């Protein structure tokens, strides 16, 4: 797991905690902040997954082309 993915996971947890605390204390602003932070972090995680997948695909293509030489 990459450092970026770990950071995104931690940010999701922090956002989730803010969201729960905001809901428990009826603080709509804190709840919304938590939801936004969690959503942004999930987006970053997805982007990192795509990046890792595309790097793997490029490596596979390079290996396949090298074998043909």
Protein backbone atom coordinates (compact mmCIF):
# COMPACT_ATOMS: atom_id res chain seq x y z
CA UNK A 1 0.00 0.00 0.00
CA UNK A 2 1.41 3.37 -1.00
CA UNK A 3 1.96 6.27 1.37
CA UNK A 4 -0.70 8.24 -0.52
CA UNK A 5 -3.25 5.48 -0.01
CA UNK A 6 -2.45 5.24 3.71
CA UNK A 7 -2.86 9.01 4.10
CA UNK A 8 -6.18 8.86 2.25
CA UNK A 9 -7.39 6.07 4.56
CA UNK A 10 -6.39 8.11 7.65
CA UNK A 11 -8.16 11.17 6.25
CA UNK A 12 -11.29 9.05 5.72
CA UNK A 13 -11.16 7.96 9.36
CA UNK A 14 -10.66 11.55 10.56
CA UNK A 15 -13.55 12.73 8.40
CA UNK A 16 -15.72 9.92 9.69
CA UNK A 17 -14.95 10.83 13.29
CA UNK A 18 -15.82 14.49 12.63
CA UNK A 19 -19.03 13.40 10.97
CA UNK A 20 -20.07 11.20 13.91
CA UNK A 21 -19.14 13.81 16.52
CA UNK A 22 -21.01 16.46 14.56
CA UNK A 23 -24.09 14.25 14.37
CA UNK A 24 -23.90 13.34 18.08
CA UNK A 25 -23.57 16.97 19.13
CA UNK A 26 -26.08 18.20 16.54
CA UNK A 27 -23.35 20.36 15.02
CA UNK A 28 -24.35 20.38 11.36
CA UNK A 29 -21.24 22.30 10.30
CA UNK A 30 -18.86 19.74 11.85
CA UNK A 31 -20.93 16.88 10.45
CA UNK A 32 -20.77 18.41 6.95
CA UNK A 33 -17.01 19.06 7.23
CA UNK A 34 -16.48 15.43 8.19
CA UNK A 35 -18.56 14.18 5.29
CA UNK A 36 -16.66 16.41 2.83
CA UNK A 37 -13.26 15.35 4.19
CA UNK A 38 -14.24 11.68 4.04
CA UNK A 39 -15.50 12.04 0.46
CA UNK A 40 -12.39 13.87 -0.73
CA UNK A 41 -10.14 11.28 0.90
CA UNK A 42 -12.08 8.46 -0.78
CA UNK A 43 -11.60 10.22 -4.11
CA UNK A 44 -7.86 10.44 -3.47
CA UNK A 45 -7.79 6.72 -2.66
CA UNK A 46 -9.58 5.90 -5.91
CA UNK A 47 -7.17 8.06 -7.89
CA UNK A 48 -4.23 6.27 -6.27
CA UNK A 49 -5.79 2.89 -7.17
CA UNK A 50 -6.15 4.01 -10.79
CA UNK A 51 -2.57 5.27 -10.81
CA UNK A 52 -1.25 1.98 -9.43
CA UNK A 53 -3.34 0.01 -11.93
CA UNK A 54 -2.15 2.03 -14.90
CA UNK A 55 1.48 1.69 -13.81
CA UNK A 56 0.99 -2.07 -13.62
CA UNK A 57 -0.57 -2.13 -17.08
CA UNK A 58 2.31 -0.13 -18.55
CA UNK A 59 4.83 -2.51 -16.97
CA UNK A 60 2.96 -5.51 -18.39
CA UNK A 61 2.97 -4.00 -21.88
CA UNK A 62 6.68 -3.23 -21.64
CA UNK A 63 7.43 -6.82 -20.61
CA UNK A 64 5.31 -8.21 -23.42
CA UNK A 65 7.09 -6.02 -25.97
CA UNK A 66 10.51 -6.99 -24.61
CA UNK A 67 9.67 -10.68 -25.02
CA UNK A 68 8.83 -10.14 -28.69
CA UNK A 69 12.27 -8.68 -29.43
